[in-house]
Amino acid sequence: MYSFTCDYIEGAHPRILERLAETNLIQEPGYGEDSFTASAKSRIREATGCPSADIFFLTGGTQTNCTVIDGLLRPFEGVIAAATGHIAVHEAGAIEFSGHKVLTLPENSACRDGKIRTADLRAYLEGFYADETWPHMVRPGMVYISFPTEYGTIYSRSELTEIHSVCKDFDIPLYIDGARLGYGLASPAADISLEDLARLCDVFYIGGTKVGALCGEAVVFPRGNAPEHFFTHIKMHGALMAKGRLPGLQFDTLFTDGLYMEISRHAIEMAMQLKAIFTAHGIPFYLDSPTNQQFPILTAGQLAALDGKVAFEIWDRLPEDKFVTRFATSWATTPAALAALDSILP
């Protein structure tokens, strides 16, 4: 079976496995005090243009979101997210479990692309403080967005600038979930660089799990603005690895010789070929995604033709027996997998 279910089916990029094997018996301190982690932090600071950045390595996206959000918020505060945002939909209530409400902004019916609109965000915050009873309510303490979004769409430089400006007006941080960050930055539709992104938020993470690593996410506070005792906060959340060298070495490899962006561009190239295959078969899309996630609308007959041969996700059900599906390419997607899909599609 050829899998397009998600972008972390395969293990890790061969260069990472090679370095893990080469360094396996080298003795290094634990808890991220090793030389590999130090080198990775140096490379990420250079790549982001943030020489004073605070950087921490965690193992997975949900763990990272919980730890960062809980670290930034006071007990009575919540986090603003799009109604379709990952923390609101696909993290099993993990943020609420940590004691913080996810405050969702409704989807814009005129443009269903998973983004937060600046006007909606400002209206929400102004409306909150216009309510004289707001001290009795969950206070909006930060804004969460993902890049790319759950729909594979990306924010432009101007959109991020505007959202960050609203956050500054209300003195709350902007946090960017970068689980698929490489695939967003590598898209030809992106007008933003890693340095731009670091400048236009207060904290973000660079996803490794979905972009070539066995596991690992690099949390970056670009201006050295990590909350006090954040290292201990990570420990409290059970997110501190004794063998901190594992994510450190992987990110050191990903950020050597441009590997992270190289493999991200490959995923985008495969996604554009995937899009062309569906288009050639006369299959429409739910929306125009410029990244590795594609959302073709399939009929029941087309689903049946793929059943047991290709793995993918059903994202939504539409009238007239049609289905929004999600296909995801990755750093490891091969032309052979695309050719097989092409031959199976009716």
Foldseek 3Di string as FASTA:
>chain_A
DAEQAAQQPDAFDPVLVVVCVVCVPPDAAFLQRGPLLVLLVCLVCVQQVFVQKDKDKFWAQLLVVQLQVLQQDDLLAAEEAACQFCCNPPNVCSNVVSRHDYHHQYADPVDRQRDDFLVSVLCVQVVLVVDPPNVVHRHHAAYEAEQVGPNQAGDELVRLQSNLVSCVVVVHWYEYEAQPVLQRQLFPVYPDGSNSVLVSTQKYKHHDSSQGHNTMIMIIRRHNPRRPPSSVSCVVSVGGTRHSSRRSNVSSSCSPPVNRNVLSNVLLVVQVLLVVLCVVVVWDFPDDRRGQKTWTKAAPVQCVLCPPPYHWAFDDADPPRITTIIGGGHSPDDPVSSVVSSVSGD
